[in-house]
Amino acid sequence: MVARLVRAVMATLRGIGAAVRARPGTALAVVGGVLALHVFLPPLVLTVTRTPWTYFAFNPWLARLPDYLVSSVPLEQKLDFLSRVALFWFTADGPYGFPEWGFAVDTMDLARFLAMSLLVGAYFALVLYRREQGRLAGWRAGTSRASGIVGACAGVLGLSTGPCSVVGCGAPVLPVVGLVFAGLSSGTLALLSGASRLLSAVVLVALPLVVAWLGWQAGSDD
């Protein structure tokens, strides 16, 4: 049983590696595009629907990161802090000296964005690789590409805002498309928040499974 599982994992990794090596430029472009969407779509939506952003900055504290890493602070406390530290943010000035809105990306947000971007990049590379092998053709290829696009967009729309990442949105967790509805009733915002969590869970479960399945097929055929 363990040996079969190990062989399946190795076949999956071999298939993903072969697909990425066959189209490295495409895979890299998809990864970069999805990552850019995760980072820039929320402030762009807020800019169009509310107020243009007026300020962008990296966290000045990051310059002290090397000193913090070698400090006497307990390791557990370091890991907890570093997982929550904001890396950069966008803000828009409000009329009374307070931000109209703000969007911050912390360490866990960036890790989530990278994971989703890599998964979508691997998915597209695998679909194209399987099609070149003649294992994916006709309507199945078109459906797979469309599914990948839908998955990427769903991942961005559902995952780009996390707890406390959006200032002035009216809810702790809100999908990007919901940012335009700031000021709605608490019940409506709660519904949007629940939909965002559900979409996040679906994408995070379904996409790795599909990538693993396609990778296993490609690796087994090779």
N, C-alpha and C. Protein backbone atom coordinates (compact mmCIF):
# COMPACT_ATOMS: atom_id res chain seq x y z
N MET A 1 0.83 -1.20 0.00
CA MET A 1 0.00 0.00 0.00
C MET A 1 0.87 1.26 0.00
N VAL A 2 1.84 1.28 0.92
CA VAL A 2 2.74 2.44 0.99
C VAL A 2 3.55 2.57 -0.29
N ALA A 3 4.01 1.42 -0.82
CA ALA A 3 4.80 1.45 -2.05
C ALA A 3 3.98 1.98 -3.22
N ARG A 4 2.71 1.59 -3.29
CA ARG A 4 1.85 2.09 -4.37
C ARG A 4 1.63 3.59 -4.23
N LEU A 5 1.45 4.05 -3.00
CA LEU A 5 1.26 5.48 -2.78
C LEU A 5 2.51 6.26 -3.19
N VAL A 6 3.67 5.73 -2.83
CA VAL A 6 4.92 6.40 -3.20
C VAL A 6 5.07 6.45 -4.72
N ARG A 7 4.75 5.33 -5.39
CA ARG A 7 4.83 5.31 -6.86
C ARG A 7 3.87 6.31 -7.48
N ALA A 8 2.67 6.42 -6.91
CA ALA A 8 1.69 7.37 -7.44
C ALA A 8 2.18 8.81 -7.27
N VAL A 9 2.75 9.10 -6.10
CA VAL A 9 3.27 10.45 -5.86
C VAL A 9 4.42 10.76 -6.81
N MET A 10 5.31 9.80 -6.99
CA MET A 10 6.44 10.01 -7.89
C MET A 10 5.97 10.20 -9.33
N ALA A 11 4.97 9.42 -9.74
CA ALA A 11 4.43 9.57 -11.09
C ALA A 11 3.79 10.94 -11.27
N THR A 12 3.08 11.40 -10.24
CA THR A 12 2.45 12.72 -10.30
C THR A 12 3.48 13.82 -10.44
N LEU A 13 4.52 13.77 -9.61
CA LEU A 13 5.58 14.78 -9.69
C LEU A 13 6.31 14.71 -11.02
N ARG A 14 6.53 13.49 -11.52
CA ARG A 14 7.20 13.32 -12.81
C ARG A 14 6.36 13.92 -13.93
N GLY A 15 5.05 13.69 -13.88
CA GLY A 15 4.17 14.23 -14.91
C GLY A 15 4.11 15.75 -14.88
N ILE A 16 4.01 16.33 -13.69
CA ILE A 16 3.98 17.79 -13.57
C ILE A 16 5.30 18.38 -14.06
N GLY A 17 6.41 17.76 -13.68
CA GLY A 17 7.71 18.25 -14.12
C GLY A 17 7.86 18.19 -15.62
N ALA A 18 7.41 17.10 -16.24
CA ALA A 18 7.50 16.98 -17.69
C ALA A 18 6.66 18.04 -18.39
N ALA A 19 5.46 18.30 -17.87
CA ALA A 19 4.58 19.29 -18.48
C ALA A 19 5.16 20.69 -18.38
N VAL A 20 5.72 21.03 -17.23
CA VAL A 20 6.31 22.36 -17.05
C VAL A 20 7.55 22.52 -17.92
N ARG A 21 8.37 21.47 -18.00
CA ARG A 21 9.58 21.55 -18.84
C ARG A 21 9.22 21.67 -20.32
N ALA A 22 8.09 21.10 -20.72
CA ALA A 22 7.68 21.18 -22.12
C ALA A 22 7.26 22.59 -22.50
N ARG A 23 6.68 23.34 -21.57
CA ARG A 23 6.24 24.71 -21.85
C ARG A 23 6.58 25.62 -20.67
N PRO A 24 7.85 25.84 -20.43
CA PRO A 24 8.23 26.66 -19.26
C PRO A 24 7.76 28.10 -19.37
N GLY A 25 7.81 28.65 -20.59
CA GLY A 25 7.38 30.03 -20.77
C GLY A 25 5.90 30.22 -20.48
N THR A 26 5.09 29.29 -20.98
CA THR A 26 3.65 29.37 -20.74
C THR A 26 3.33 29.24 -19.26
N ALA A 27 3.96 28.25 -18.62
CA ALA A 27 3.71 28.04 -17.19
C ALA A 27 4.10 29.28 -16.39
N LEU A 28 5.25 29.86 -16.71
CA LEU A 28 5.72 31.04 -15.98
C LEU A 28 4.80 32.24 -16.22
N ALA A 29 4.32 32.38 -17.46
CA ALA A 29 3.42 33.50 -17.77
C ALA A 29 2.10 33.36 -17.01
N VAL A 30 1.57 32.14 -16.94
CA VAL A 30 0.32 31.93 -16.21
C VAL A 30 0.52 32.20 -14.72
N VAL A 31 1.61 31.70 -14.17
CA VAL A 31 1.89 31.94 -12.74
C VAL A 31 1.99 33.44 -12.47
N GLY A 32 2.74 34.15 -13.31
CA GLY A 32 2.89 35.59 -13.12
C GLY A 32 1.58 36.34 -13.27
N GLY A 33 0.77 35.92 -14.26
CA GLY A 33 -0.50 36.59 -14.47
C GLY A 33 -1.47 36.40 -13.32
N VAL A 34 -1.58 35.17 -12.83
CA VAL A 34 -2.50 34.90 -11.72
C VAL A 34 -2.02 35.60 -10.45
N LEU A 35 -0.71 35.61 -10.22
CA LEU A 35 -0.17 36.30 -9.05
C LEU A 35 -0.45 37.80 -9.12
N ALA A 36 -0.29 38.38 -10.32
CA ALA A 36 -0.57 39.80 -10.49
C ALA A 36 -2.04 40.10 -10.24
N LEU A 37 -2.93 39.22 -10.70
CA LEU A 37 -4.35 39.42 -10.45
C LEU A 37 -4.66 39.41 -8.96
N HIS A 38 -4.07 38.46 -8.24
CA HIS A 38 -4.31 38.38 -6.80
C HIS A 38 -3.88 39.67 -6.09
N VAL A 39 -2.77 40.23 -6.53
CA VAL A 39 -2.23 41.41 -5.84
C VAL A 39 -2.95 42.68 -6.27
N PHE A 40 -3.22 42.83 -7.57
CA PHE A 40 -3.68 44.12 -8.08
C PHE A 40 -5.19 44.21 -8.29
N LEU A 41 -5.90 43.08 -8.39
CA LEU A 41 -7.33 43.17 -8.65
C LEU A 41 -8.10 43.87 -7.53
N PRO A 42 -7.86 43.53 -6.25
CA PRO A 42 -8.62 44.23 -5.20
C PRO A 42 -8.44 45.75 -5.23
N PRO A 43 -7.20 46.29 -5.27
CA PRO A 43 -7.10 47.75 -5.33
C PRO A 43 -7.65 48.35 -6.61
N LEU A 44 -7.59 47.61 -7.73
CA LEU A 44 -8.17 48.12 -8.97
C LEU A 44 -9.69 48.20 -8.87
N VAL A 45 -10.31 47.16 -8.28
CA VAL A 45 -11.76 47.18 -8.10
C VAL A 45 -12.16 48.35 -7.20
N LEU A 46 -11.43 48.52 -6.11
CA LEU A 46 -11.73 49.63 -5.20
C LEU A 46 -11.48 50.98 -5.85
N THR A 47 -10.45 51.07 -6.71
CA THR A 47 -10.16 52.32 -7.41
C THR A 47 -11.30 52.70 -8.35
N VAL A 48 -11.82 51.71 -9.08
CA VAL A 48 -12.87 51.97 -10.05
C VAL A 48 -14.20 52.27 -9.38
N THR A 49 -14.52 51.54 -8.32
CA THR A 49 -15.85 51.64 -7.72
C THR A 49 -15.94 52.64 -6.58
N ARG A 50 -14.79 52.98 -5.97
CA ARG A 50 -14.86 53.89 -4.82
C ARG A 50 -13.93 55.09 -5.02
N THR A 51 -12.68 54.97 -4.65
CA THR A 51 -11.73 56.08 -4.75
C THR A 51 -10.39 55.55 -5.23
N PRO A 52 -9.73 56.24 -6.18
CA PRO A 52 -8.41 55.77 -6.64
C PRO A 52 -7.41 55.72 -5.48
N TRP A 53 -6.53 54.72 -5.53
CA TRP A 53 -5.54 54.63 -4.46
C TRP A 53 -4.54 55.77 -4.61
N THR A 54 -4.07 56.24 -3.48
CA THR A 54 -3.15 57.38 -3.46
C THR A 54 -1.80 57.02 -2.87
N TYR A 55 -1.66 55.81 -2.33
CA TYR A 55 -0.41 55.49 -1.65
C TYR A 55 -0.16 54.00 -1.72
N PHE A 56 1.09 53.64 -2.02
CA PHE A 56 1.53 52.25 -1.97
C PHE A 56 2.86 52.22 -1.26
N ALA A 57 3.05 51.24 -0.40
CA ALA A 57 4.32 51.17 0.33
C ALA A 57 4.59 49.74 0.77
N PHE A 58 5.87 49.40 0.80
CA PHE A 58 6.29 48.19 1.49
C PHE A 58 6.45 48.52 2.97
N ASN A 59 6.28 47.53 3.80
CA ASN A 59 6.39 47.73 5.24
C ASN A 59 7.83 48.15 5.58
N PRO A 60 8.03 49.36 6.13
CA PRO A 60 9.39 49.79 6.46
C PRO A 60 10.08 48.87 7.47
N TRP A 61 9.28 48.16 8.28
CA TRP A 61 9.87 47.27 9.28
C TRP A 61 10.67 46.15 8.65
N LEU A 62 10.39 45.81 7.39
CA LEU A 62 11.09 44.69 6.74
C LEU A 62 12.60 44.91 6.69
N ALA A 63 13.04 46.17 6.75
CA ALA A 63 14.48 46.44 6.78
C ALA A 63 15.13 45.91 8.06
N ARG A 64 14.32 45.72 9.10
CA ARG A 64 14.83 45.21 10.38
C ARG A 64 14.68 43.70 10.49
N LEU A 65 14.19 43.05 9.44
CA LEU A 65 13.94 41.61 9.50
C LEU A 65 15.18 40.81 9.87
N PRO A 66 16.36 41.05 9.26
CA PRO A 66 17.54 40.26 9.63
C PRO A 66 17.87 40.34 11.12
N ASP A 67 17.75 41.55 11.70
CA ASP A 67 18.01 41.70 13.13
C ASP A 67 17.00 40.93 13.97
N TYR A 68 15.75 40.93 13.52
CA TYR A 68 14.71 40.22 14.26
C TYR A 68 14.94 38.72 14.22
N LEU A 69 15.39 38.21 13.08
CA LEU A 69 15.60 36.77 12.94
C LEU A 69 16.69 36.25 13.88
N VAL A 70 17.70 37.06 14.15
CA VAL A 70 18.80 36.62 15.01
C VAL A 70 18.62 37.11 16.45
N SER A 71 17.49 37.71 16.75
CA SER A 71 17.26 38.22 18.10
C SER A 71 16.95 37.06 19.05
N SER A 72 16.81 37.39 20.33
CA SER A 72 16.55 36.38 21.36
C SER A 72 15.07 36.06 21.52
N VAL A 73 14.23 36.58 20.67
CA VAL A 73 12.79 36.29 20.73
C VAL A 73 12.58 34.79 20.51
N PRO A 74 11.71 34.14 21.30
CA PRO A 74 11.47 32.70 21.12
C PRO A 74 11.01 32.38 19.70
N LEU A 75 11.42 31.21 19.21
CA LEU A 75 11.12 30.81 17.83
C LEU A 75 9.63 30.79 17.57
N GLU A 76 8.85 30.26 18.51
CA GLU A 76 7.40 30.19 18.32
C GLU A 76 6.80 31.58 18.13
N GLN A 77 7.28 32.53 18.91
CA GLN A 77 6.79 33.90 18.79
C GLN A 77 7.21 34.52 17.46
N LYS A 78 8.43 34.22 17.02
CA LYS A 78 8.88 34.72 15.72
C LYS A 78 8.00 34.20 14.59
N LEU A 79 7.73 32.90 14.60
CA LEU A 79 6.93 32.31 13.53
C LEU A 79 5.52 32.89 13.52
N ASP A 80 4.95 33.08 14.71
CA ASP A 80 3.60 33.64 14.79
C ASP A 80 3.58 35.06 14.24
N PHE A 81 4.57 35.86 14.61
CA PHE A 81 4.61 37.24 14.14
C PHE A 81 4.87 37.32 12.64
N LEU A 82 5.83 36.53 12.16
CA LEU A 82 6.19 36.60 10.74
C LEU A 82 5.06 36.10 9.85
N SER A 83 4.20 35.23 10.36
CA SER A 83 3.08 34.75 9.55
C SER A 83 2.00 35.81 9.40
N ARG A 84 2.03 36.84 10.25
CA ARG A 84 0.99 37.86 10.24
C ARG A 84 1.48 39.23 9.80
N VAL A 85 2.78 39.40 9.63
CA VAL A 85 3.30 40.74 9.34
C VAL A 85 2.88 41.19 7.94
N ALA A 86 2.45 42.43 7.84
CA ALA A 86 2.07 42.99 6.54
C ALA A 86 3.33 43.25 5.71
N LEU A 87 3.28 42.88 4.44
CA LEU A 87 4.43 43.07 3.56
C LEU A 87 4.32 44.37 2.76
N PHE A 88 3.13 44.65 2.25
CA PHE A 88 2.91 45.90 1.53
C PHE A 88 1.42 46.21 1.55
N TRP A 89 1.08 47.44 1.18
CA TRP A 89 -0.32 47.83 1.22
C TRP A 89 -0.60 48.97 0.25
N PHE A 90 -1.88 49.05 -0.13
CA PHE A 90 -2.42 50.16 -0.93
C PHE A 90 -3.42 50.89 -0.05
N THR A 91 -3.47 52.21 -0.13
CA THR A 91 -4.47 52.98 0.60
C THR A 91 -4.96 54.13 -0.27
N ALA A 92 -6.16 54.59 0.06
CA ALA A 92 -6.74 55.77 -0.60
C ALA A 92 -7.13 56.76 0.48
N ASP A 93 -6.69 58.00 0.34
CA ASP A 93 -6.99 59.02 1.33
C ASP A 93 -8.48 59.35 1.33
N GLY A 94 -9.04 59.52 2.53
CA GLY A 94 -10.42 59.92 2.68
C GLY A 94 -10.54 61.42 2.88
N PRO A 95 -11.77 61.94 2.96
CA PRO A 95 -11.97 63.39 3.06
C PRO A 95 -11.62 63.98 4.41
N TYR A 96 -11.53 63.17 5.47
CA TYR A 96 -11.31 63.70 6.81
C TYR A 96 -10.00 63.23 7.42
N GLY A 97 -9.04 62.91 6.59
CA GLY A 97 -7.74 62.52 7.10
C GLY A 97 -7.59 61.05 7.41
N PHE A 98 -8.67 60.28 7.26
CA PHE A 98 -8.62 58.85 7.48
C PHE A 98 -8.68 58.14 6.13
N PRO A 99 -8.10 56.94 6.04
CA PRO A 99 -8.14 56.22 4.76
C PRO A 99 -9.58 55.90 4.34
N GLU A 100 -9.88 56.13 3.08
CA GLU A 100 -11.17 55.72 2.53
C GLU A 100 -11.23 54.20 2.45
N TRP A 101 -10.12 53.61 2.05
CA TRP A 101 -10.00 52.15 2.05
C TRP A 101 -8.52 51.80 2.03
N GLY A 102 -8.23 50.57 2.38
CA GLY A 102 -6.86 50.08 2.33
C GLY A 102 -6.85 48.59 2.05
N PHE A 103 -5.84 48.15 1.35
CA PHE A 103 -5.69 46.73 1.05
C PHE A 103 -4.27 46.33 1.40
N ALA A 104 -4.11 45.42 2.36
CA ALA A 104 -2.79 44.99 2.82
C ALA A 104 -2.59 43.51 2.51
N VAL A 105 -1.37 43.14 2.20
CA VAL A 105 -1.00 41.75 1.94
C VAL A 105 0.03 41.34 2.98
N ASP A 106 -0.30 40.31 3.77
CA ASP A 106 0.65 39.81 4.76
C ASP A 106 1.33 38.55 4.25
N THR A 107 2.14 37.94 5.11
CA THR A 107 2.93 36.78 4.69
C THR A 107 2.05 35.62 4.25
N MET A 108 1.00 35.33 5.02
CA MET A 108 0.13 34.22 4.68
C MET A 108 -0.65 34.51 3.40
N ASP A 109 -1.06 35.76 3.21
CA ASP A 109 -1.73 36.13 1.96
C ASP A 109 -0.82 35.83 0.77
N LEU A 110 0.43 36.28 0.86
CA LEU A 110 1.36 36.08 -0.25
C LEU A 110 1.62 34.60 -0.50
N ALA A 111 1.73 33.82 0.57
CA ALA A 111 1.92 32.37 0.41
C ALA A 111 0.71 31.75 -0.28
N ARG A 112 -0.48 32.21 0.07
CA ARG A 112 -1.70 31.71 -0.55
C ARG A 112 -1.75 32.09 -2.02
N PHE A 113 -1.38 33.34 -2.32
CA PHE A 113 -1.37 33.79 -3.71
C PHE A 113 -0.39 32.96 -4.54
N LEU A 114 0.80 32.71 -4.00
CA LEU A 114 1.81 31.94 -4.72
C LEU A 114 1.34 30.51 -4.95
N ALA A 115 0.74 29.91 -3.91
CA ALA A 115 0.26 28.53 -4.05
C ALA A 115 -0.79 28.42 -5.14
N MET A 116 -1.76 29.35 -5.14
CA MET A 116 -2.80 29.31 -6.15
C MET A 116 -2.22 29.56 -7.54
N SER A 117 -1.29 30.48 -7.65
CA SER A 117 -0.68 30.79 -8.95
C SER A 117 0.08 29.59 -9.49
N LEU A 118 0.83 28.91 -8.63
CA LEU A 118 1.58 27.73 -9.06
C LEU A 118 0.65 26.61 -9.49
N LEU A 119 -0.46 26.44 -8.77
CA LEU A 119 -1.42 25.39 -9.13
C LEU A 119 -2.05 25.67 -10.49
N VAL A 120 -2.45 26.92 -10.72
CA VAL A 120 -3.06 27.26 -12.01
C VAL A 120 -2.04 27.12 -13.13
N GLY A 121 -0.79 27.55 -12.88
CA GLY A 121 0.26 27.38 -13.89
C GLY A 121 0.50 25.92 -14.22
N ALA A 122 0.55 25.07 -13.19
CA ALA A 122 0.73 23.63 -13.42
C ALA A 122 -0.45 23.05 -14.17
N TYR A 123 -1.65 23.51 -13.85
CA TYR A 123 -2.85 23.01 -14.53
C TYR A 123 -2.79 23.29 -16.03
N PHE A 124 -2.52 24.52 -16.39
CA PHE A 124 -2.46 24.86 -17.82
C PHE A 124 -1.33 24.12 -18.52
N ALA A 125 -0.19 24.00 -17.87
CA ALA A 125 0.92 23.26 -18.48
C ALA A 125 0.54 21.81 -18.72
N LEU A 126 -0.16 21.20 -17.76
CA LEU A 126 -0.57 19.80 -17.91
C LEU A 126 -1.60 19.63 -19.01
N VAL A 127 -2.56 20.54 -19.08
CA VAL A 127 -3.59 20.44 -20.13
C VAL A 127 -2.95 20.53 -21.51
N LEU A 128 -2.04 21.49 -21.70
CA LEU A 128 -1.37 21.64 -23.00
C LEU A 128 -0.48 20.44 -23.30
N TYR A 129 0.19 19.94 -22.29
CA TYR A 129 1.07 18.78 -22.46
C TYR A 129 0.27 17.54 -22.85
N ARG A 130 -0.85 17.33 -22.18
CA ARG A 130 -1.69 16.17 -22.51
C ARG A 130 -2.29 16.30 -23.90
N ARG A 131 -2.60 17.51 -24.29
CA ARG A 131 -3.15 17.71 -25.62
C ARG A 131 -2.11 17.41 -26.68
N GLU A 132 -0.86 17.84 -26.45
CA GLU A 132 0.21 17.54 -27.40
C GLU A 132 0.44 16.04 -27.52
N GLN A 133 0.23 15.31 -26.44
CA GLN A 133 0.40 13.86 -26.46
C GLN A 133 -0.76 13.15 -27.15
N GLY A 134 -1.81 13.91 -27.48
CA GLY A 134 -2.99 13.29 -28.07
C GLY A 134 -3.89 12.65 -27.06
N ARG A 135 -3.67 12.95 -25.77
CA ARG A 135 -4.48 12.37 -24.71
C ARG A 135 -5.63 13.27 -24.31
N LEU A 136 -5.64 14.49 -24.86
CA LEU A 136 -6.68 15.45 -24.53
C LEU A 136 -7.02 16.18 -25.80
N ALA A 137 -8.17 15.95 -26.35
CA ALA A 137 -8.51 16.53 -27.64
C ALA A 137 -9.99 16.88 -27.70
N GLY A 138 -10.35 17.63 -28.74
CA GLY A 138 -11.73 17.95 -28.99
C GLY A 138 -12.34 18.79 -27.89
N TRP A 139 -13.60 18.45 -27.57
CA TRP A 139 -14.30 19.26 -26.59
C TRP A 139 -13.69 19.13 -25.21
N ARG A 140 -13.02 18.03 -24.95
CA ARG A 140 -12.41 17.86 -23.63
C ARG A 140 -11.29 18.87 -23.41
N ALA A 141 -10.52 19.16 -24.45
CA ALA A 141 -9.45 20.15 -24.33
C ALA A 141 -10.02 21.54 -24.10
N GLY A 142 -11.06 21.87 -24.90
CA GLY A 142 -11.67 23.18 -24.72
C GLY A 142 -12.30 23.33 -23.36
N THR A 143 -12.98 22.28 -22.92
CA THR A 143 -13.59 22.32 -21.60
C THR A 143 -12.55 22.46 -20.51
N SER A 144 -11.42 21.77 -20.66
CA SER A 144 -10.37 21.84 -19.64
C SER A 144 -9.76 23.23 -19.58
N ARG A 145 -9.53 23.84 -20.75
CA ARG A 145 -8.98 25.19 -20.74
C ARG A 145 -9.96 26.15 -20.09
N ALA A 146 -11.25 26.01 -20.47
CA ALA A 146 -12.26 26.89 -19.88
C ALA A 146 -12.34 26.69 -18.37
N SER A 147 -12.25 25.44 -17.94
CA SER A 147 -12.29 25.16 -16.50
C SER A 147 -11.11 25.80 -15.79
N GLY A 148 -9.95 25.77 -16.44
CA GLY A 148 -8.77 26.40 -15.83
C GLY A 148 -8.95 27.90 -15.69
N ILE A 149 -9.51 28.53 -16.72
CA ILE A 149 -9.74 29.97 -16.66
C ILE A 149 -10.74 30.31 -15.57
N VAL A 150 -11.83 29.53 -15.52
CA VAL A 150 -12.84 29.75 -14.48
C VAL A 150 -12.24 29.54 -13.10
N GLY A 151 -11.42 28.49 -12.96
CA GLY A 151 -10.79 28.22 -11.68
C GLY A 151 -9.86 29.34 -11.25
N ALA A 152 -9.09 29.86 -12.20
CA ALA A 152 -8.18 30.97 -11.87
C ALA A 152 -8.96 32.20 -11.44
N CYS A 153 -10.01 32.53 -12.19
CA CYS A 153 -10.81 33.71 -11.83
C CYS A 153 -11.52 33.51 -10.50
N ALA A 154 -12.05 32.30 -10.30
CA ALA A 154 -12.72 32.02 -9.02
C ALA A 154 -11.74 32.12 -7.87
N GLY A 155 -10.53 31.64 -8.09
CA GLY A 155 -9.53 31.72 -7.04
C GLY A 155 -9.20 33.16 -6.70
N VAL A 156 -9.06 33.99 -7.72
CA VAL A 156 -8.76 35.40 -7.48
C VAL A 156 -9.93 36.09 -6.80
N LEU A 157 -11.14 35.89 -7.32
CA LEU A 157 -12.29 36.59 -6.79
C LEU A 157 -12.64 36.11 -5.39
N GLY A 158 -12.39 34.85 -5.11
CA GLY A 158 -12.75 34.32 -3.80
C GLY A 158 -11.67 34.44 -2.77
N LEU A 159 -10.40 34.50 -3.18
CA LEU A 159 -9.31 34.40 -2.23
C LEU A 159 -8.51 35.68 -2.05
N SER A 160 -8.75 36.68 -2.86
CA SER A 160 -7.86 37.84 -2.82
C SER A 160 -8.05 38.69 -1.58
N THR A 161 -9.16 38.56 -0.88
CA THR A 161 -9.33 39.31 0.35
C THR A 161 -9.45 38.34 1.50
N GLY A 162 -8.67 38.57 2.53
CA GLY A 162 -8.70 37.71 3.69
C GLY A 162 -9.05 38.50 4.93
N PRO A 163 -9.03 37.87 6.11
CA PRO A 163 -9.37 38.57 7.34
C PRO A 163 -8.50 39.81 7.54
N CYS A 164 -9.17 40.95 7.76
CA CYS A 164 -8.49 42.21 8.09
C CYS A 164 -7.62 42.74 6.95
N SER A 165 -7.71 42.19 5.76
CA SER A 165 -6.86 42.68 4.67
C SER A 165 -7.44 43.90 3.99
N VAL A 166 -8.75 44.12 4.16
CA VAL A 166 -9.39 45.27 3.53
C VAL A 166 -9.93 46.19 4.62
N VAL A 167 -9.47 47.43 4.62
CA VAL A 167 -9.93 48.43 5.58
C VAL A 167 -11.10 49.17 4.99
N GLY A 168 -12.19 49.27 5.73
CA GLY A 168 -13.33 50.03 5.27
C GLY A 168 -14.27 49.25 4.37
N CYS A 169 -14.12 47.92 4.32
CA CYS A 169 -15.00 47.14 3.44
C CYS A 169 -16.29 46.76 4.15
N GLY A 170 -16.32 46.80 5.47
CA GLY A 170 -17.54 46.50 6.20
C GLY A 170 -17.67 45.07 6.62
N ALA A 171 -16.72 44.20 6.30
CA ALA A 171 -16.77 42.80 6.70
C ALA A 171 -15.35 42.28 6.79
N PRO A 172 -15.10 41.33 7.70
CA PRO A 172 -13.73 40.84 7.86
C PRO A 172 -13.22 40.04 6.68
N VAL A 173 -14.10 39.30 6.01
CA VAL A 173 -13.71 38.50 4.84
C VAL A 173 -14.73 38.78 3.75
N LEU A 174 -14.27 39.20 2.59
CA LEU A 174 -15.19 39.59 1.53
C LEU A 174 -14.56 39.28 0.18
N PRO A 175 -15.32 38.68 -0.76
CA PRO A 175 -14.76 38.46 -2.09
C PRO A 175 -14.55 39.80 -2.79
N VAL A 176 -13.64 39.80 -3.75
CA VAL A 176 -13.31 41.05 -4.45
C VAL A 176 -14.55 41.69 -5.05
N VAL A 177 -15.43 40.87 -5.66
CA VAL A 177 -16.62 41.44 -6.28
C VAL A 177 -17.54 42.07 -5.25
N GLY A 178 -17.38 41.71 -3.97
CA GLY A 178 -18.22 42.29 -2.93
C GLY A 178 -17.70 43.60 -2.40
N LEU A 179 -16.49 43.98 -2.78
CA LEU A 179 -15.92 45.22 -2.24
C LEU A 179 -16.71 46.44 -2.67
N VAL A 180 -17.41 46.35 -3.79
CA VAL A 180 -18.18 47.49 -4.28
C VAL A 180 -19.43 47.70 -3.45
N PHE A 181 -19.79 46.72 -2.61
CA PHE A 181 -21.04 46.79 -1.87
C PHE A 181 -20.85 47.23 -0.43
N ALA A 182 -19.73 47.87 -0.11
CA ALA A 182 -19.51 48.35 1.25
C ALA A 182 -20.66 49.26 1.65
N GLY A 183 -21.18 49.07 2.84
CA GLY A 183 -22.30 49.87 3.31
C GLY A 183 -23.62 49.14 3.22
N LEU A 184 -23.66 47.94 2.66
CA LEU A 184 -24.88 47.16 2.64
C LEU A 184 -25.19 46.65 4.04
N SER A 185 -26.35 46.03 4.19
CA SER A 185 -26.75 45.52 5.50
C SER A 185 -25.79 44.44 5.96
N SER A 186 -25.75 44.25 7.28
CA SER A 186 -24.84 43.25 7.84
C SER A 186 -25.20 41.85 7.36
N GLY A 187 -26.48 41.59 7.14
CA GLY A 187 -26.89 40.27 6.65
C GLY A 187 -26.37 40.00 5.25
N THR A 188 -26.43 41.00 4.38
CA THR A 188 -25.92 40.83 3.02
C THR A 188 -24.42 40.64 3.02
N LEU A 189 -23.72 41.42 3.84
CA LEU A 189 -22.27 41.27 3.92
C LEU A 189 -21.90 39.91 4.49
N ALA A 190 -22.67 39.42 5.46
CA ALA A 190 -22.40 38.09 6.01
C ALA A 190 -22.60 37.02 4.95
N LEU A 191 -23.62 37.19 4.09
CA LEU A 191 -23.85 36.24 3.01
C LEU A 191 -22.68 36.24 2.03
N LEU A 192 -22.21 37.43 1.65
CA LEU A 192 -21.06 37.52 0.76
C LEU A 192 -19.81 36.91 1.39
N SER A 193 -19.65 37.15 2.69
CA SER A 193 -18.50 36.59 3.39
C SER A 193 -18.55 35.06 3.40
N GLY A 194 -19.75 34.51 3.66
CA GLY A 194 -19.89 33.05 3.64
C GLY A 194 -19.64 32.48 2.26
N ALA A 195 -20.13 33.18 1.22
CA ALA A 195 -19.89 32.71 -0.15
C ALA A 195 -18.41 32.72 -0.48
N SER A 196 -17.70 33.73 0.01
CA SER A 196 -16.25 33.80 -0.22
C SER A 196 -15.54 32.62 0.42
N ARG A 197 -15.90 32.30 1.66
CA ARG A 197 -15.27 31.18 2.35
C ARG A 197 -15.55 29.87 1.62
N LEU A 198 -16.81 29.69 1.17
CA LEU A 198 -17.17 28.47 0.47
C LEU A 198 -16.40 28.35 -0.84
N LEU A 199 -16.33 29.44 -1.60
CA LEU A 199 -15.60 29.42 -2.86
C LEU A 199 -14.12 29.14 -2.63
N SER A 200 -13.58 29.73 -1.57
CA SER A 200 -12.17 29.49 -1.24
C SER A 200 -11.93 28.01 -0.98
N ALA A 201 -12.81 27.40 -0.19
CA ALA A 201 -12.65 25.99 0.15
C ALA A 201 -12.76 25.11 -1.08
N VAL A 202 -13.73 25.41 -1.95
CA VAL A 202 -13.93 24.60 -3.16
C VAL A 202 -12.70 24.67 -4.06
N VAL A 203 -12.19 25.88 -4.28
CA VAL A 203 -11.03 26.04 -5.17
C VAL A 203 -9.80 25.37 -4.58
N LEU A 204 -9.58 25.56 -3.28
CA LEU A 204 -8.38 25.01 -2.64
C LEU A 204 -8.40 23.49 -2.59
N VAL A 205 -9.59 22.89 -2.60
CA VAL A 205 -9.68 21.43 -2.59
C VAL A 205 -9.67 20.88 -4.02
N ALA A 206 -10.47 21.49 -4.90
CA ALA A 206 -10.65 20.93 -6.24
C ALA A 206 -9.41 21.08 -7.11
N LEU A 207 -8.80 22.25 -7.11
CA LEU A 207 -7.68 22.49 -8.03
C LEU A 207 -6.49 21.58 -7.75
N PRO A 208 -6.05 21.41 -6.50
CA PRO A 208 -4.94 20.47 -6.26
C PRO A 208 -5.27 19.04 -6.68
N LEU A 209 -6.53 18.62 -6.49
CA LEU A 209 -6.93 17.27 -6.88
C LEU A 209 -6.86 17.11 -8.40
N VAL A 210 -7.33 18.11 -9.14
CA VAL A 210 -7.29 18.03 -10.60
C VAL A 210 -5.85 18.03 -11.10
N VAL A 211 -5.01 18.89 -10.52
CA VAL A 211 -3.60 18.93 -10.92
C VAL A 211 -2.92 17.61 -10.62
N ALA A 212 -3.21 17.04 -9.45
CA ALA A 212 -2.61 15.75 -9.09
C ALA A 212 -3.07 14.65 -10.04
N TRP A 213 -4.34 14.66 -10.42
CA TRP A 213 -4.87 13.64 -11.33
C TRP A 213 -4.22 13.75 -12.71
N LEU A 214 -4.16 14.96 -13.25
CA LEU A 214 -3.53 15.15 -14.55
C LEU A 214 -2.04 14.82 -14.50
N GLY A 215 -1.39 15.21 -13.41
CA GLY A 215 0.03 14.89 -13.26
C GLY A 215 0.28 13.40 -13.18
N TRP A 216 -0.59 12.69 -12.46
CA TRP A 216 -0.45 11.23 -12.36
C TRP A 216 -0.64 10.57 -13.71
N GLN A 217 -1.64 11.04 -14.47
CA GLN A 217 -1.87 10.48 -15.81
C GLN A 217 -0.66 10.71 -16.71
N ALA A 218 -0.14 11.94 -16.70
CA ALA A 218 1.02 12.26 -17.55
C ALA A 218 2.24 11.45 -17.12
N GLY A 219 2.46 11.33 -15.82
CA GLY A 219 3.61 10.57 -15.33
C GLY A 219 3.49 9.09 -15.58
N SER A 220 2.29 8.55 -15.49
CA SER A 220 2.08 7.13 -15.74
C SER A 220 2.28 6.79 -17.21
N ASP A 221 1.83 7.68 -18.10
CA ASP A 221 2.00 7.44 -19.53
C ASP A 221 3.47 7.47 -19.93
N ASP A 222 4.24 8.37 -19.27
CA ASP A 222 5.66 8.46 -19.59
C ASP A 222 6.41 7.23 -19.09
